[in-house]
Amino acid sequence: MERLADYPWPGNIRQLHNVLERLVLLAEGATVSAREVEHVIRSEAAGTPAASPPLYNAPATAVRPYLPAQSHDRQQIEQALAQTHGNKSRAAQVLGLTLRQLNYRIKRLAMT
């Protein structure tokens, strides 16, 4: 918390908001570690987004964003959603998709 308070925030509240969003997405548990805060702030200072560590090792047959929705995608989507406790944003990251692409596939596969 101290590190966040001491940072000059040249981008003002928008920059702080973006950093906090990234911290929530990258958090490995219920709390954010000082290491994670430092990593995100350093990447912010460098002008590059923080690379998200993989949540789990995706199988070689992971969903590809450029392929149409297939029946085998259902299992991978269900697995990613289970792994992320239903968090679609994180599941999309795990699958290498945008949230919009994931929602499209869920709709296309009639998953509710």
PDB file of N, CA and C in Angstrom:
ATOM      1  N   MET A   1       0.829  -1.184   0.000  1.00  0.00           N
ATOM      2  CA  MET A   1       0.000   0.000   0.000  1.00  0.00           C
ATOM      3  C   MET A   1       0.878   1.253   0.000  1.00  0.00           C
ATOM      4  N   GLU A   2       1.961   1.184   0.759  1.00  0.00           N
ATOM      5  CA  GLU A   2       2.870   2.328   0.850  1.00  0.00           C
ATOM      6  C   GLU A   2       3.480   2.647  -0.513  1.00  0.00           C
ATOM      7  N   ARG A   3       3.834   1.602  -1.254  1.00  0.00           N
ATOM      8  CA  ARG A   3       4.435   1.799  -2.580  1.00  0.00           C
ATOM      9  C   ARG A   3       3.442   2.496  -3.519  1.00  0.00           C
ATOM     10  N   LEU A   4       2.186   2.112  -3.445  1.00  0.00           N
ATOM     11  CA  LEU A   4       1.163   2.753  -4.278  1.00  0.00           C
ATOM     12  C   LEU A   4       0.983   4.219  -3.894  1.00  0.00           C
ATOM     13  N   ALA A   5       1.035   4.506  -2.604  1.00  0.00           N
ATOM     14  CA  ALA A   5       0.860   5.884  -2.133  1.00  0.00           C
ATOM     15  C   ALA A   5       2.056   6.761  -2.502  1.00  0.00           C
ATOM     16  N   ASP A   6       3.261   6.178  -2.550  1.00  0.00           N
ATOM     17  CA  ASP A   6       4.472   6.948  -2.835  1.00  0.00           C
ATOM     18  C   ASP A   6       4.706   7.199  -4.326  1.00  0.00           C
ATOM     19  N   TYR A   7       4.076   6.409  -5.185  1.00  0.00           N
ATOM     20  CA  TYR A   7       4.297   6.556  -6.624  1.00  0.00           C
ATOM     21  C   TYR A   7       3.707   7.890  -7.096  1.00  0.00           C
ATOM     22  N   PRO A   8       4.401   8.644  -7.991  1.00  0.00           N
ATOM     23  CA  PRO A   8       3.928   9.982  -8.387  1.00  0.00           C
ATOM     24  C   PRO A   8       2.668   9.992  -9.265  1.00  0.00           C
ATOM     25  N   TRP A   9       2.305   8.911  -9.914  1.00  0.00           N
ATOM     26  CA  TRP A   9       1.126   8.817 -10.773  1.00  0.00           C
ATOM     27  C   TRP A   9       1.033   9.962 -11.780  1.00  0.00           C
ATOM     28  N   PRO A  10       1.978   9.989 -12.737  1.00  0.00           N
ATOM     29  CA  PRO A  10       1.946  11.052 -13.745  1.00  0.00           C
ATOM     30  C   PRO A  10       0.686  11.009 -14.611  1.00  0.00           C
ATOM     31  N   GLY A  11       0.056   9.857 -14.726  1.00  0.00           N
ATOM     32  CA  GLY A  11      -1.171   9.738 -15.516  1.00  0.00           C
ATOM     33  C   GLY A  11      -2.413  10.004 -14.700  1.00  0.00           C
ATOM     34  N   ASN A  12      -2.224  10.407 -13.448  1.00  0.00           N
ATOM     35  CA  ASN A  12      -3.313  10.763 -12.548  1.00  0.00           C
ATOM     36  C   ASN A  12      -4.191   9.565 -12.206  1.00  0.00           C
ATOM     37  N   ILE A  13      -5.458   9.787 -11.957  1.00  0.00           N
ATOM     38  CA  ILE A  13      -6.354   8.745 -11.447  1.00  0.00           C
ATOM     39  C   ILE A  13      -6.570   7.624 -12.455  1.00  0.00           C
ATOM     40  N   ARG A  14      -6.536   7.931 -13.748  1.00  0.00           N
ATOM     41  CA  ARG A  14      -6.713   6.893 -14.764  1.00  0.00           C
ATOM     42  C   ARG A  14      -5.600   5.857 -14.694  1.00  0.00           C
ATOM     43  N   GLN A  15      -4.385   6.339 -14.511  1.00  0.00           N
ATOM     44  CA  GLN A  15      -3.245   5.437 -14.417  1.00  0.00           C
ATOM     45  C   GLN A  15      -3.354   4.574 -13.155  1.00  0.00           C
ATOM     46  N   LEU A  16      -3.718   5.172 -12.047  1.00  0.00           N
ATOM     47  CA  LEU A  16      -3.900   4.422 -10.803  1.00  0.00           C
ATOM     48  C   LEU A  16      -4.990   3.365 -10.983  1.00  0.00           C
ATOM     49  N   HIS A  17      -6.082   3.742 -11.601  1.00  0.00           N
ATOM     50  CA  HIS A  17      -7.185   2.806 -11.845  1.00  0.00           C
ATOM     51  C   HIS A  17      -6.710   1.621 -12.683  1.00  0.00           C
ATOM     52  N   ASN A  18      -5.951   1.883 -13.753  1.00  0.00           N
ATOM     53  CA  ASN A  18      -5.443   0.815 -14.612  1.00  0.00           C
ATOM     54  C   ASN A  18      -4.512  -0.116 -13.850  1.00  0.00           C
ATOM     55  N   VAL A  19      -3.647   0.455 -13.017  1.00  0.00           N
ATOM     56  CA  VAL A  19      -2.720  -0.362 -12.235  1.00  0.00           C
ATOM     57  C   VAL A  19      -3.497  -1.237 -11.252  1.00  0.00           C
ATOM     58  N   LEU A  20      -4.493  -0.678 -10.607  1.00  0.00           N
ATOM     59  CA  LEU A  20      -5.287  -1.463  -9.660  1.00  0.00           C
ATOM     60  C   LEU A  20      -6.033  -2.593 -10.369  1.00  0.00           C
ATOM     61  N   GLU A  21      -6.552  -2.327 -11.557  1.00  0.00           N
ATOM     62  CA  GLU A  21      -7.221  -3.383 -12.325  1.00  0.00           C
ATOM     63  C   GLU A  21      -6.251  -4.508 -12.653  1.00  0.00           C
ATOM     64  N   ARG A  22      -5.045  -4.144 -13.099  1.00  0.00           N
ATOM     65  CA  ARG A  22      -4.040  -5.160 -13.411  1.00  0.00           C
ATOM     66  C   ARG A  22      -3.660  -5.967 -12.178  1.00  0.00           C
ATOM     67  N   LEU A  23      -3.538  -5.282 -11.053  1.00  0.00           N
ATOM     68  CA  LEU A  23      -3.188  -5.990  -9.819  1.00  0.00           C
ATOM     69  C   LEU A  23      -4.259  -7.010  -9.441  1.00  0.00           C
ATOM     70  N   VAL A  24      -5.507  -6.640  -9.607  1.00  0.00           N
ATOM     71  CA  VAL A  24      -6.591  -7.571  -9.290  1.00  0.00           C
ATOM     72  C   VAL A  24      -6.531  -8.779 -10.216  1.00  0.00           C
ATOM     73  N   LEU A  25      -6.283  -8.546 -11.493  1.00  0.00           N
ATOM     74  CA  LEU A  25      -6.218  -9.649 -12.453  1.00  0.00           C
ATOM     75  C   LEU A  25      -5.005 -10.540 -12.232  1.00  0.00           C
ATOM     76  N   LEU A  26      -3.887  -9.951 -11.821  1.00  0.00           N
ATOM     77  CA  LEU A  26      -2.655 -10.715 -11.656  1.00  0.00           C
ATOM     78  C   LEU A  26      -2.503 -11.332 -10.275  1.00  0.00           C
ATOM     79  N   ALA A  27      -3.329 -10.947  -9.338  1.00  0.00           N
ATOM     80  CA  ALA A  27      -3.196 -11.448  -7.963  1.00  0.00           C
ATOM     81  C   ALA A  27      -3.285 -12.969  -7.947  1.00  0.00           C
ATOM     82  N   GLU A  28      -2.373 -13.576  -7.216  1.00  0.00           N
ATOM     83  CA  GLU A  28      -2.333 -15.034  -7.148  1.00  0.00           C
ATOM     84  C   GLU A  28      -3.217 -15.578  -6.033  1.00  0.00           C
ATOM     85  N   GLY A  29      -3.839 -14.727  -5.300  1.00  0.00           N
ATOM     86  CA  GLY A  29      -4.713 -15.166  -4.219  1.00  0.00           C
ATOM     87  C   GLY A  29      -5.665 -14.051  -3.844  1.00  0.00           C
ATOM     88  N   ALA A  30      -6.088 -14.074  -2.594  1.00  0.00           N
ATOM     89  CA  ALA A  30      -7.027 -13.061  -2.122  1.00  0.00           C
ATOM     90  C   ALA A  30      -6.347 -11.732  -1.834  1.00  0.00           C
ATOM     91  N   THR A  31      -5.031 -11.744  -1.704  1.00  0.00           N
ATOM     92  CA  THR A  31      -4.286 -10.512  -1.432  1.00  0.00           C
ATOM     93  C   THR A  31      -3.258 -10.278  -2.518  1.00  0.00           C
ATOM     94  N   VAL A  32      -2.850  -9.040  -2.649  1.00  0.00           N
ATOM     95  CA  VAL A  32      -1.839  -8.655  -3.634  1.00  0.00           C
ATOM     96  C   VAL A  32      -0.513  -8.526  -2.896  1.00  0.00           C
ATOM     97  N   SER A  33       0.509  -9.193  -3.409  1.00  0.00           N
ATOM     98  CA  SER A  33       1.814  -9.150  -2.754  1.00  0.00           C
ATOM     99  C   SER A  33       2.586  -7.901  -3.166  1.00  0.00           C
ATOM    100  N   ALA A  34       3.572  -7.547  -2.356  1.00  0.00           N
ATOM    101  CA  ALA A  34       4.433  -6.403  -2.670  1.00  0.00           C
ATOM    102  C   ALA A  34       5.175  -6.651  -3.978  1.00  0.00           C
ATOM    103  N   ARG A  35       5.524  -7.903  -4.237  1.00  0.00           N
ATOM    104  CA  ARG A  35       6.216  -8.264  -5.480  1.00  0.00           C
ATOM    105  C   ARG A  35       5.335  -7.957  -6.687  1.00  0.00           C
ATOM    106  N   GLU A  36       4.053  -8.280  -6.594  1.00  0.00           N
ATOM    107  CA  GLU A  36       3.126  -8.010  -7.697  1.00  0.00           C
ATOM    108  C   GLU A  36       2.944  -6.509  -7.908  1.00  0.00           C
ATOM    109  N   VAL A  37       2.848  -5.760  -6.814  1.00  0.00           N
ATOM    110  CA  VAL A  37       2.718  -4.299  -6.916  1.00  0.00           C
ATOM    111  C   VAL A  37       3.945  -3.729  -7.609  1.00  0.00           C
ATOM    112  N   GLU A  38       5.114  -4.155  -7.176  1.00  0.00           N
ATOM    113  CA  GLU A  38       6.362  -3.650  -7.757  1.00  0.00           C
ATOM    114  C   GLU A  38       6.450  -3.991  -9.245  1.00  0.00           C
ATOM    115  N   HIS A  39       6.063  -5.206  -9.602  1.00  0.00           N
ATOM    116  CA  HIS A  39       6.108  -5.641 -11.002  1.00  0.00           C
ATOM    117  C   HIS A  39       5.205  -4.770 -11.887  1.00  0.00           C
ATOM    118  N   VAL A  40       3.990  -4.528 -11.436  1.00  0.00           N
ATOM    119  CA  VAL A  40       3.039  -3.740 -12.229  1.00  0.00           C
ATOM    120  C   VAL A  40       3.489  -2.283 -12.316  1.00  0.00           C
ATOM    121  N   ILE A  41       3.975  -1.729 -11.222  1.00  0.00           N
ATOM    122  CA  ILE A  41       4.429  -0.331 -11.243  1.00  0.00           C
ATOM    123  C   ILE A  41       5.647  -0.182 -12.145  1.00  0.00           C
ATOM    124  N   ARG A  42       6.569  -1.133 -12.092  1.00  0.00           N
ATOM    125  CA  ARG A  42       7.747  -1.061 -12.981  1.00  0.00           C
ATOM    126  C   ARG A  42       7.341  -1.141 -14.442  1.00  0.00           C
ATOM    127  N   SER A  43       6.407  -2.019 -14.751  1.00  0.00           N
ATOM    128  CA  SER A  43       5.972  -2.125 -16.144  1.00  0.00           C
ATOM    129  C   SER A  43       5.224  -0.865 -16.567  1.00  0.00           C
ATOM    130  N   GLU A  44       4.511  -0.255 -15.637  1.00  0.00           N
ATOM    131  CA  GLU A  44       3.808   1.003 -15.912  1.00  0.00           C
ATOM    132  C   GLU A  44       4.814   2.109 -16.195  1.00  0.00           C
ATOM    133  N   ALA A  45       5.871   2.162 -15.398  1.00  0.00           N
ATOM    134  CA  ALA A  45       6.897   3.185 -15.583  1.00  0.00           C
ATOM    135  C   ALA A  45       7.629   2.991 -16.905  1.00  0.00           C
ATOM    136  N   ALA A  46       7.784   1.738 -17.315  1.00  0.00           N
ATOM    137  CA  ALA A  46       8.461   1.446 -18.574  1.00  0.00           C
ATOM    138  C   ALA A  46       7.543   1.659 -19.771  1.00  0.00           C
ATOM    139  N   GLY A  47       6.255   1.808 -19.503  1.00  0.00           N
ATOM    140  CA  GLY A  47       5.305   2.040 -20.588  1.00  0.00           C
ATOM    141  C   GLY A  47       4.837   0.779 -21.267  1.00  0.00           C
ATOM    142  N   THR A  48       5.103  -0.372 -20.654  1.00  0.00           N
ATOM    143  CA  THR A  48       4.648  -1.629 -21.221  1.00  0.00           C
ATOM    144  C   THR A  48       3.713  -2.305 -20.240  1.00  0.00           C
ATOM    145  N   PRO A  49       2.676  -2.964 -20.734  1.00  0.00           N
ATOM    146  CA  PRO A  49       1.768  -3.653 -19.828  1.00  0.00           C
ATOM    147  C   PRO A  49       2.453  -4.836 -19.167  1.00  0.00           C
ATOM    148  N   ALA A  50       2.057  -5.126 -17.954  1.00  0.00           N
ATOM    149  CA  ALA A  50       2.619  -6.254 -17.223  1.00  0.00           C
ATOM    150  C   ALA A  50       2.169  -7.549 -17.882  1.00  0.00           C
ATOM    151  N   ALA A  51       3.106  -8.453 -18.054  1.00  0.00           N
ATOM    152  CA  ALA A  51       2.765  -9.742 -18.627  1.00  0.00           C
ATOM    153  C   ALA A  51       2.086 -10.585 -17.566  1.00  0.00           C
ATOM    154  N   SER A  52       0.974 -11.146 -17.916  1.00  0.00           N
ATOM    155  CA  SER A  52       0.230 -11.965 -16.978  1.00  0.00           C
ATOM    156  C   SER A  52       0.839 -13.353 -16.930  1.00  0.00           C
ATOM    157  N   PRO A  53       1.179 -13.833 -15.740  1.00  0.00           N
ATOM    158  CA  PRO A  53       1.688 -15.193 -15.664  1.00  0.00           C
ATOM    159  C   PRO A  53       0.558 -16.163 -15.975  1.00  0.00           C
ATOM    160  N   PRO A  54       0.870 -17.288 -16.626  1.00  0.00           N
ATOM    161  CA  PRO A  54      -0.204 -18.217 -16.962  1.00  0.00           C
ATOM    162  C   PRO A  54      -0.861 -18.756 -15.699  1.00  0.00           C
ATOM    163  N   LEU A  55      -2.183 -18.869 -15.715  1.00  0.00           N
ATOM    164  CA  LEU A  55      -2.904 -19.384 -14.563  1.00  0.00           C
ATOM    165  C   LEU A  55      -2.753 -20.896 -14.458  1.00  0.00           C
ATOM    166  N   TYR A  56      -2.617 -21.548 -15.586  1.00  0.00           N
ATOM    167  CA  TYR A  56      -2.312 -22.969 -15.617  1.00  0.00           C
ATOM    168  C   TYR A  56      -1.749 -23.256 -16.997  1.00  0.00           C
ATOM    169  N   ASN A  57      -1.121 -24.390 -17.161  1.00  0.00           N
ATOM    170  CA  ASN A  57      -0.549 -24.737 -18.456  1.00  0.00           C
ATOM    171  C   ASN A  57      -1.663 -25.204 -19.377  1.00  0.00           C
ATOM    172  N   ALA A  58      -1.947 -24.394 -20.378  1.00  0.00           N
ATOM    173  CA  ALA A  58      -2.995 -24.732 -21.333  1.00  0.00           C
ATOM    174  C   ALA A  58      -2.537 -25.903 -22.189  1.00  0.00           C
ATOM    175  N   PRO A  59      -3.439 -26.809 -22.529  1.00  0.00           N
ATOM    176  CA  PRO A  59      -3.062 -27.924 -23.390  1.00  0.00           C
ATOM    177  C   PRO A  59      -2.670 -27.428 -24.776  1.00  0.00           C
ATOM    178  N   ALA A  60      -1.926 -28.246 -25.496  1.00  0.00           N
ATOM    179  CA  ALA A  60      -1.462 -27.866 -26.829  1.00  0.00           C
ATOM    180  C   ALA A  60      -2.628 -27.582 -27.768  1.00  0.00           C
ATOM    181  N   THR A  61      -3.793 -28.112 -27.449  1.00  0.00           N
ATOM    182  CA  THR A  61      -4.967 -27.911 -28.297  1.00  0.00           C
ATOM    183  C   THR A  61      -5.831 -26.770 -27.789  1.00  0.00           C
ATOM    184  N   ALA A  62      -5.220 -25.791 -27.126  1.00  0.00           N
ATOM    185  CA  ALA A  62      -5.980 -24.670 -26.562  1.00  0.00           C
ATOM    186  C   ALA A  62      -6.738 -23.932 -27.656  1.00  0.00           C
ATOM    187  N   VAL A  63      -7.819 -23.284 -27.267  1.00  0.00           N
ATOM    188  CA  VAL A  63      -8.647 -22.521 -28.198  1.00  0.00           C
ATOM    189  C   VAL A  63      -7.795 -21.446 -28.863  1.00  0.00           C
ATOM    190  N   ARG A  64      -7.917 -21.311 -30.142  1.00  0.00           N
ATOM    191  CA  ARG A  64      -7.204 -20.274 -30.878  1.00  0.00           C
ATOM    192  C   ARG A  64      -8.210 -19.207 -31.276  1.00  0.00           C
ATOM    193  N   PRO A  65      -7.874 -17.913 -31.094  1.00  0.00           N
ATOM    194  CA  PRO A  65      -8.836 -16.852 -31.368  1.00  0.00           C
ATOM    195  C   PRO A  65      -9.281 -16.772 -32.823  1.00  0.00           C
ATOM    196  N   TYR A  66      -8.498 -17.293 -33.748  1.00  0.00           N
ATOM    197  CA  TYR A  66      -8.820 -17.154 -35.156  1.00  0.00           C
ATOM    198  C   TYR A  66      -9.650 -18.321 -35.694  1.00  0.00           C
ATOM    199  N   LEU A  67      -9.940 -19.314 -34.874  1.00  0.00           N
ATOM    200  CA  LEU A  67     -10.729 -20.449 -35.330  1.00  0.00           C
ATOM    201  C   LEU A  67     -12.187 -20.281 -34.914  1.00  0.00           C
ATOM    202  N   PRO A  68     -13.114 -20.766 -35.727  1.00  0.00           N
ATOM    203  CA  PRO A  68     -14.516 -20.707 -35.321  1.00  0.00           C
ATOM    204  C   PRO A  68     -14.759 -21.630 -34.127  1.00  0.00           C
ATOM    205  N   ALA A  69     -15.826 -21.372 -33.410  1.00  0.00           N
ATOM    206  CA  ALA A  69     -16.159 -22.188 -32.240  1.00  0.00           C
ATOM    207  C   ALA A  69     -16.407 -23.630 -32.679  1.00  0.00           C
ATOM    208  N   GLN A  70     -15.829 -24.561 -31.973  1.00  0.00           N
ATOM    209  CA  GLN A  70     -15.953 -25.984 -32.260  1.00  0.00           C
ATOM    210  C   GLN A  70     -16.505 -26.681 -31.024  1.00  0.00           C
ATOM    211  N   SER A  71     -16.982 -27.887 -31.221  1.00  0.00           N
ATOM    212  CA  SER A  71     -17.529 -28.621 -30.083  1.00  0.00           C
ATOM    213  C   SER A  71     -16.456 -28.928 -29.041  1.00  0.00           C
ATOM    214  N   HIS A  72     -15.197 -29.148 -29.476  1.00  0.00           N
ATOM    215  CA  HIS A  72     -14.140 -29.431 -28.493  1.00  0.00           C
ATOM    216  C   HIS A  72     -13.779 -28.185 -27.678  1.00  0.00           C
ATOM    217  N   ASP A  73     -14.181 -27.015 -28.161  1.00  0.00           N
ATOM    218  CA  ASP A  73     -13.947 -25.782 -27.402  1.00  0.00           C
ATOM    219  C   ASP A  73     -14.740 -25.780 -26.098  1.00  0.00           C
ATOM    220  N   ARG A  74     -15.895 -26.422 -26.115  1.00  0.00           N
ATOM    221  CA  ARG A  74     -16.760 -26.441 -24.928  1.00  0.00           C
ATOM    222  C   ARG A  74     -15.989 -26.957 -23.715  1.00  0.00           C
ATOM    223  N   GLN A  75     -15.286 -28.063 -23.880  1.00  0.00           N
ATOM    224  CA  GLN A  75     -14.547 -28.657 -22.766  1.00  0.00           C
ATOM    225  C   GLN A  75     -13.452 -27.708 -22.271  1.00  0.00           C
ATOM    226  N   GLN A  76     -12.742 -27.082 -23.191  1.00  0.00           N
ATOM    227  CA  GLN A  76     -11.671 -26.161 -22.801  1.00  0.00           C
ATOM    228  C   GLN A  76     -12.234 -24.931 -22.097  1.00  0.00           C
ATOM    229  N   ILE A  77     -13.347 -24.421 -22.580  1.00  0.00           N
ATOM    230  CA  ILE A  77     -13.974 -23.256 -21.946  1.00  0.00           C
ATOM    231  C   ILE A  77     -14.464 -23.626 -20.552  1.00  0.00           C
ATOM    232  N   GLU A  78     -15.117 -24.782 -20.440  1.00  0.00           N
ATOM    233  CA  GLU A  78     -15.594 -25.227 -19.129  1.00  0.00           C
ATOM    234  C   GLU A  78     -14.431 -25.405 -18.154  1.00  0.00           C
ATOM    235  N   GLN A  79     -13.325 -25.962 -18.645  1.00  0.00           N
ATOM    236  CA  GLN A  79     -12.146 -26.162 -17.795  1.00  0.00           C
ATOM    237  C   GLN A  79     -11.571 -24.817 -17.343  1.00  0.00           C
ATOM    238  N   ALA A  80     -11.465 -23.867 -18.256  1.00  0.00           N
ATOM    239  CA  ALA A  80     -10.925 -22.546 -17.912  1.00  0.00           C
ATOM    240  C   ALA A  80     -11.839 -21.823 -16.927  1.00  0.00           C
ATOM    241  N   LEU A  81     -13.146 -21.919 -17.126  1.00  0.00           N
ATOM    242  CA  LEU A  81     -14.092 -21.281 -16.203  1.00  0.00           C
ATOM    243  C   LEU A  81     -14.027 -21.930 -14.821  1.00  0.00           C
ATOM    244  N   ALA A  82     -13.865 -23.245 -14.782  1.00  0.00           N
ATOM    245  CA  ALA A  82     -13.733 -23.930 -13.487  1.00  0.00           C
ATOM    246  C   ALA A  82     -12.439 -23.509 -12.798  1.00  0.00           C
ATOM    247  N   GLN A  83     -11.365 -23.424 -13.572  1.00  0.00           N
ATOM    248  CA  GLN A  83     -10.052 -23.039 -13.030  1.00  0.00           C
ATOM    249  C   GLN A  83     -10.081 -21.625 -12.450  1.00  0.00           C
ATOM    250  N   THR A  84     -10.864 -20.742 -13.056  1.00  0.00           N
ATOM    251  CA  THR A  84     -10.919 -19.338 -12.626  1.00  0.00           C
ATOM    252  C   THR A  84     -12.164 -19.044 -11.794  1.00  0.00           C
ATOM    253  N   HIS A  85     -12.828 -20.096 -11.327  1.00  0.00           N
ATOM    254  CA  HIS A  85     -14.009 -19.965 -10.472  1.00  0.00           C
ATOM    255  C   HIS A  85     -15.093 -19.104 -11.125  1.00  0.00           C
ATOM    256  N   GLY A  86     -15.291 -19.294 -12.432  1.00  0.00           N
ATOM    257  CA  GLY A  86     -16.350 -18.605 -13.150  1.00  0.00           C
ATOM    258  C   GLY A  86     -16.013 -17.205 -13.623  1.00  0.00           C
ATOM    259  N   ASN A  87     -14.793 -16.743 -13.396  1.00  0.00           N
ATOM    260  CA  ASN A  87     -14.389 -15.396 -13.808  1.00  0.00           C
ATOM    261  C   ASN A  87     -14.090 -15.414 -15.307  1.00  0.00           C
ATOM    262  N   LYS A  88     -14.989 -14.838 -16.094  1.00  0.00           N
ATOM    263  CA  LYS A  88     -14.846 -14.878 -17.553  1.00  0.00           C
ATOM    264  C   LYS A  88     -13.625 -14.111 -18.041  1.00  0.00           C
ATOM    265  N   SER A  89     -13.303 -12.996 -17.414  1.00  0.00           N
ATOM    266  CA  SER A  89     -12.136 -12.214 -17.840  1.00  0.00           C
ATOM    267  C   SER A  89     -10.860 -13.030 -17.700  1.00  0.00           C
ATOM    268  N   ARG A  90     -10.709 -13.687 -16.569  1.00  0.00           N
ATOM    269  CA  ARG A  90      -9.510 -14.501 -16.344  1.00  0.00           C
ATOM    270  C   ARG A  90      -9.527 -15.748 -17.220  1.00  0.00           C
ATOM    271  N   ALA A  91     -10.709 -16.337 -17.418  1.00  0.00           N
ATOM    272  CA  ALA A  91     -10.815 -17.508 -18.287  1.00  0.00           C
ATOM    273  C   ALA A  91     -10.401 -17.144 -19.712  1.00  0.00           C
ATOM    274  N   ALA A  92     -10.812 -15.966 -20.165  1.00  0.00           N
ATOM    275  CA  ALA A  92     -10.420 -15.509 -21.501  1.00  0.00           C
ATOM    276  C   ALA A  92      -8.904 -15.376 -21.588  1.00  0.00           C
ATOM    277  N   GLN A  93      -8.273 -14.829 -20.547  1.00  0.00           N
ATOM    278  CA  GLN A  93      -6.810 -14.714 -20.527  1.00  0.00           C
ATOM    279  C   GLN A  93      -6.162 -16.088 -20.617  1.00  0.00           C
ATOM    280  N   VAL A  94      -6.674 -17.033 -19.844  1.00  0.00           N
ATOM    281  CA  VAL A  94      -6.135 -18.390 -19.834  1.00  0.00           C
ATOM    282  C   VAL A  94      -6.193 -18.997 -21.230  1.00  0.00           C
ATOM    283  N   LEU A  95      -7.278 -18.746 -21.926  1.00  0.00           N
ATOM    284  CA  LEU A  95      -7.478 -19.325 -23.251  1.00  0.00           C
ATOM    285  C   LEU A  95      -6.819 -18.521 -24.367  1.00  0.00           C
ATOM    286  N   GLY A  96      -6.268 -17.367 -24.026  1.00  0.00           N
ATOM    287  CA  GLY A  96      -5.643 -16.531 -25.045  1.00  0.00           C
ATOM    288  C   GLY A  96      -6.662 -15.809 -25.907  1.00  0.00           C
ATOM    289  N   LEU A  97      -7.822 -15.526 -25.330  1.00  0.00           N
ATOM    290  CA  LEU A  97      -8.900 -14.845 -26.042  1.00  0.00           C
ATOM    291  C   LEU A  97      -9.200 -13.511 -25.390  1.00  0.00           C
ATOM    292  N   THR A  98      -9.890 -12.665 -26.123  1.00  0.00           N
ATOM    293  CA  THR A  98     -10.447 -11.470 -25.496  1.00  0.00           C
ATOM    294  C   THR A  98     -11.752 -11.892 -24.831  1.00  0.00           C
ATOM    295  N   LEU A  99     -12.241 -11.066 -23.927  1.00  0.00           N
ATOM    296  CA  LEU A  99     -13.513 -11.367 -23.273  1.00  0.00           C
ATOM    297  C   LEU A  99     -14.630 -11.456 -24.312  1.00  0.00           C
ATOM    298  N   ARG A 100     -14.579 -10.597 -25.293  1.00  0.00           N
ATOM    299  CA  ARG A 100     -15.600 -10.610 -26.350  1.00  0.00           C
ATOM    300  C   ARG A 100     -15.575 -11.929 -27.133  1.00  0.00           C
ATOM    301  N   GLN A 101     -14.369 -12.423 -27.445  1.00  0.00           N
ATOM    302  CA  GLN A 101     -14.255 -13.691 -28.164  1.00  0.00           C
ATOM    303  C   GLN A 101     -14.787 -14.852 -27.319  1.00  0.00           C
ATOM    304  N   LEU A 102     -14.467 -14.824 -26.026  1.00  0.00           N
ATOM    305  CA  LEU A 102     -14.963 -15.879 -25.143  1.00  0.00           C
ATOM    306  C   LEU A 102     -16.486 -15.846 -25.079  1.00  0.00           C
ATOM    307  N   ASN A 103     -17.059 -14.668 -24.904  1.00  0.00           N
ATOM    308  CA  ASN A 103     -18.520 -14.556 -24.853  1.00  0.00           C
ATOM    309  C   ASN A 103     -19.159 -15.033 -26.154  1.00  0.00           C
ATOM    310  N   TYR A 104     -18.523 -14.742 -27.285  1.00  0.00           N
ATOM    311  CA  TYR A 104     -19.023 -15.202 -28.578  1.00  0.00           C
ATOM    312  C   TYR A 104     -19.052 -16.726 -28.619  1.00  0.00           C
ATOM    313  N   ARG A 105     -17.970 -17.357 -28.178  1.00  0.00           N
ATOM    314  CA  ARG A 105     -17.905 -18.816 -28.204  1.00  0.00           C
ATOM    315  C   ARG A 105     -18.926 -19.437 -27.245  1.00  0.00           C
ATOM    316  N   ILE A 106     -19.092 -18.830 -26.082  1.00  0.00           N
ATOM    317  CA  ILE A 106     -20.081 -19.332 -25.125  1.00  0.00           C
ATOM    318  C   ILE A 106     -21.479 -19.266 -25.740  1.00  0.00           C
ATOM    319  N   LYS A 107     -21.774 -18.160 -26.401  1.00  0.00           N
ATOM    320  CA  LYS A 107     -23.083 -18.004 -27.046  1.00  0.00           C
ATOM    321  C   LYS A 107     -23.225 -18.993 -28.201  1.00  0.00           C
ATOM    322  N   ARG A 108     -22.186 -19.106 -29.016  1.00  0.00           N
ATOM    323  CA  ARG A 108     -22.211 -19.980 -30.188  1.00  0.00           C
ATOM    324  C   ARG A 108     -22.403 -21.447 -29.794  1.00  0.00           C
ATOM    325  N   LEU A 109     -21.806 -21.831 -28.664  1.00  0.00           N
ATOM    326  CA  LEU A 109     -21.909 -23.210 -28.191  1.00  0.00           C
ATOM    327  C   LEU A 109     -23.121 -23.426 -27.289  1.00  0.00           C
ATOM    328  N   ALA A 110     -23.959 -22.389 -27.156  1.00  0.00           N
ATOM    329  CA  ALA A 110     -25.175 -22.446 -26.329  1.00  0.00           C
ATOM    330  C   ALA A 110     -24.859 -22.849 -24.896  1.00  0.00           C
ATOM    331  N   MET A 111     -23.775 -22.292 -24.369  1.00  0.00           N
ATOM    332  CA  MET A 111     -23.398 -22.539 -22.967  1.00  0.00           C
ATOM    333  C   MET A 111     -23.982 -21.411 -22.130  1.00  0.00           C
ATOM    334  N   THR A 112     -24.632 -21.752 -21.045  1.00  0.00           N
ATOM    335  CA  THR A 112     -25.188 -20.713 -20.174  1.00  0.00           C
ATOM    336  C   THR A 112     -24.694 -20.872 -18.767  1.00  0.00           C
TER     337      THR A 112
END
